[in-house]
Protein backbone atom coordinates (compact mmCIF):
# COMPACT_ATOMS: atom_id res chain seq x y z
CA MET A 1 7.19 148.48 -124.93
CA SER A 2 9.83 145.86 -125.40
CA PHE A 3 10.67 142.20 -123.98
CA ALA A 4 13.19 141.12 -121.63
CA LEU A 5 14.44 137.24 -121.21
CA ILE A 6 16.41 135.61 -118.46
CA ALA A 7 17.86 132.52 -118.39
CA ASP A 8 19.91 130.94 -115.49
CA ASP A 9 20.64 127.44 -113.99
CA PRO A 10 19.30 127.29 -110.29
CA ASP A 11 20.79 124.47 -109.59
CA ALA A 12 24.26 125.28 -110.18
CA PRO A 13 26.79 123.88 -107.96
CA ALA A 14 27.69 127.34 -106.85
CA GLY A 15 24.35 128.95 -106.79
CA THR A 16 22.61 130.32 -110.13
CA TRP A 17 24.36 130.63 -112.68
CA VAL A 18 22.99 132.89 -115.27
CA HIS A 19 22.87 131.97 -119.36
CA TRP A 20 21.63 134.70 -120.67
CA VAL A 21 20.35 138.53 -120.25
CA LEU A 22 18.33 139.92 -123.18
CA TYR A 23 16.31 143.09 -122.99
CA ASN A 24 15.21 145.86 -125.59
CA LEU A 25 14.04 143.24 -127.82
CA PRO A 26 10.93 145.01 -129.64
CA ALA A 27 7.45 143.82 -129.11
CA THR A 28 7.34 143.26 -132.95
CA VAL A 29 9.62 140.46 -132.60
CA ALA A 30 8.37 137.42 -132.74
CA GLU A 31 10.97 134.87 -132.35
CA LEU A 32 14.46 134.89 -132.07
CA PRO A 33 17.08 133.31 -135.13
CA GLU A 34 19.13 130.54 -134.03
CA ASN A 35 22.58 130.57 -133.56
CA VAL A 36 22.01 134.73 -132.02
CA ALA A 37 25.16 136.12 -132.29
CA GLN A 38 27.36 136.58 -129.02
CA VAL A 39 27.48 140.29 -129.21
CA GLU A 40 25.96 143.03 -127.08
CA THR A 41 23.56 145.00 -129.75
CA LEU A 42 21.79 142.79 -131.92
CA ASP A 43 20.11 143.51 -135.35
CA LEU A 44 16.72 142.79 -133.71
CA GLY A 45 15.55 146.38 -133.58
CA GLY A 46 18.19 147.35 -130.77
CA ALA A 47 18.01 144.55 -129.05
CA ARG A 48 20.94 144.52 -126.27
CA GLN A 49 22.29 141.29 -124.47
CA GLY A 50 23.98 141.40 -121.30
CA ARG A 51 26.80 139.80 -119.53
CA ASN A 52 26.33 136.28 -118.52
CA ASP A 53 27.86 134.25 -115.67
CA PHE A 54 30.29 133.13 -118.86
CA HIS A 55 31.60 136.63 -118.77
CA ARG A 56 30.45 137.72 -122.39
CA PRO A 57 26.72 138.89 -124.13
CA GLY A 58 25.04 136.24 -125.61
CA TYR A 59 23.58 132.70 -124.90
CA GLY A 60 25.91 130.33 -123.07
CA GLY A 61 24.20 126.49 -123.19
CA PRO A 62 23.87 124.33 -120.71
CA CYS A 63 26.91 122.56 -119.05
CA PRO A 64 26.19 120.72 -116.01
CA PRO A 65 28.56 118.40 -113.96
CA HIS A 66 27.73 114.88 -114.21
CA GLY A 67 24.59 113.40 -112.10
CA PRO A 68 21.27 115.08 -111.50
CA ALA A 69 19.62 116.84 -114.20
CA HIS A 70 19.51 120.91 -114.14
CA ARG A 71 16.58 122.86 -114.38
CA TYR A 72 17.41 126.16 -117.36
CA PHE A 73 14.48 128.59 -116.43
CA PHE A 74 13.60 130.78 -119.44
CA LYS A 75 11.79 133.98 -118.13
CA LEU A 76 10.25 136.27 -120.58
CA TYR A 77 9.33 139.64 -119.53
CA ALA A 78 7.01 142.13 -121.39
CA LEU A 79 7.80 145.74 -120.25
CA ASP A 80 6.37 149.21 -120.61
CA VAL A 81 9.45 150.52 -121.20
CA THR A 82 12.64 150.13 -123.39
CA LEU A 83 15.43 150.29 -120.63
CA GLN A 84 18.54 152.49 -120.50
CA LEU A 85 21.53 150.03 -119.21
CA ARG A 86 24.67 150.53 -119.04
CA SER A 87 27.07 148.19 -121.38
CA ALA A 88 27.73 144.97 -119.97
CA ALA A 89 24.70 144.83 -117.72
CA GLN A 90 24.61 141.93 -115.76
CA LYS A 91 20.83 140.10 -114.47
CA LYS A 92 20.93 142.12 -111.06
CA ASP A 93 21.04 145.29 -113.49
CA LEU A 94 18.35 143.77 -115.72
CA GLU A 95 15.99 142.95 -112.71
CA ALA A 96 16.36 146.80 -110.67
CA ALA A 97 15.32 148.25 -114.09
CA MET A 98 12.24 146.34 -114.94
CA GLN A 99 10.94 147.18 -111.18
CA GLY A 100 7.83 149.00 -111.29
CA HIS A 101 7.74 148.21 -115.68
CA THR A 102 6.46 144.37 -115.60
CA LEU A 103 2.90 144.22 -117.79
CA ALA A 104 3.72 140.32 -118.04
CA MET A 105 5.77 137.55 -117.38
CA ALA A 106 5.85 133.63 -118.93
CA GLN A 107 8.40 130.99 -117.63
CA LEU A 108 9.51 127.67 -119.44
CA VAL A 109 11.56 125.45 -117.69
CA GLY A 110 13.68 122.84 -119.21
CA THR A 111 15.82 120.26 -118.02
CA TYR A 112 19.48 118.80 -118.75
CA ALA A 113 21.45 116.06 -117.46
CA ARG A 114 25.23 114.57 -118.64
CA ARG A 115 25.41 111.48 -118.16
CA LYS A 116 28.63 109.48 -117.10
CA ARG A 117 29.39 106.69 -119.89
């Protein structure tokens, strides 16, 4: 059993922007440390990070254009397997690999806006 996390912004001007792709997080991990390293393999029982839309592994924080708030979806999946994905996997790769293996899903939505000064 493992967890996977996808964080994205469906309100981005060019369409949904992927901020984080994390998978193979062991089910024994109850929390993530602050400032998770932006590397493909983490020191968390073999957890892996795929490529976000900033073209790098790890979490890329919010940076919406000035204007209305954007919604940031953090979707956590409980899986019945550890996934075998190629290096630099993207959201679409993770979603395809999770097909038929999702036991449960939880979602947290936050909002963030940059205002003109």
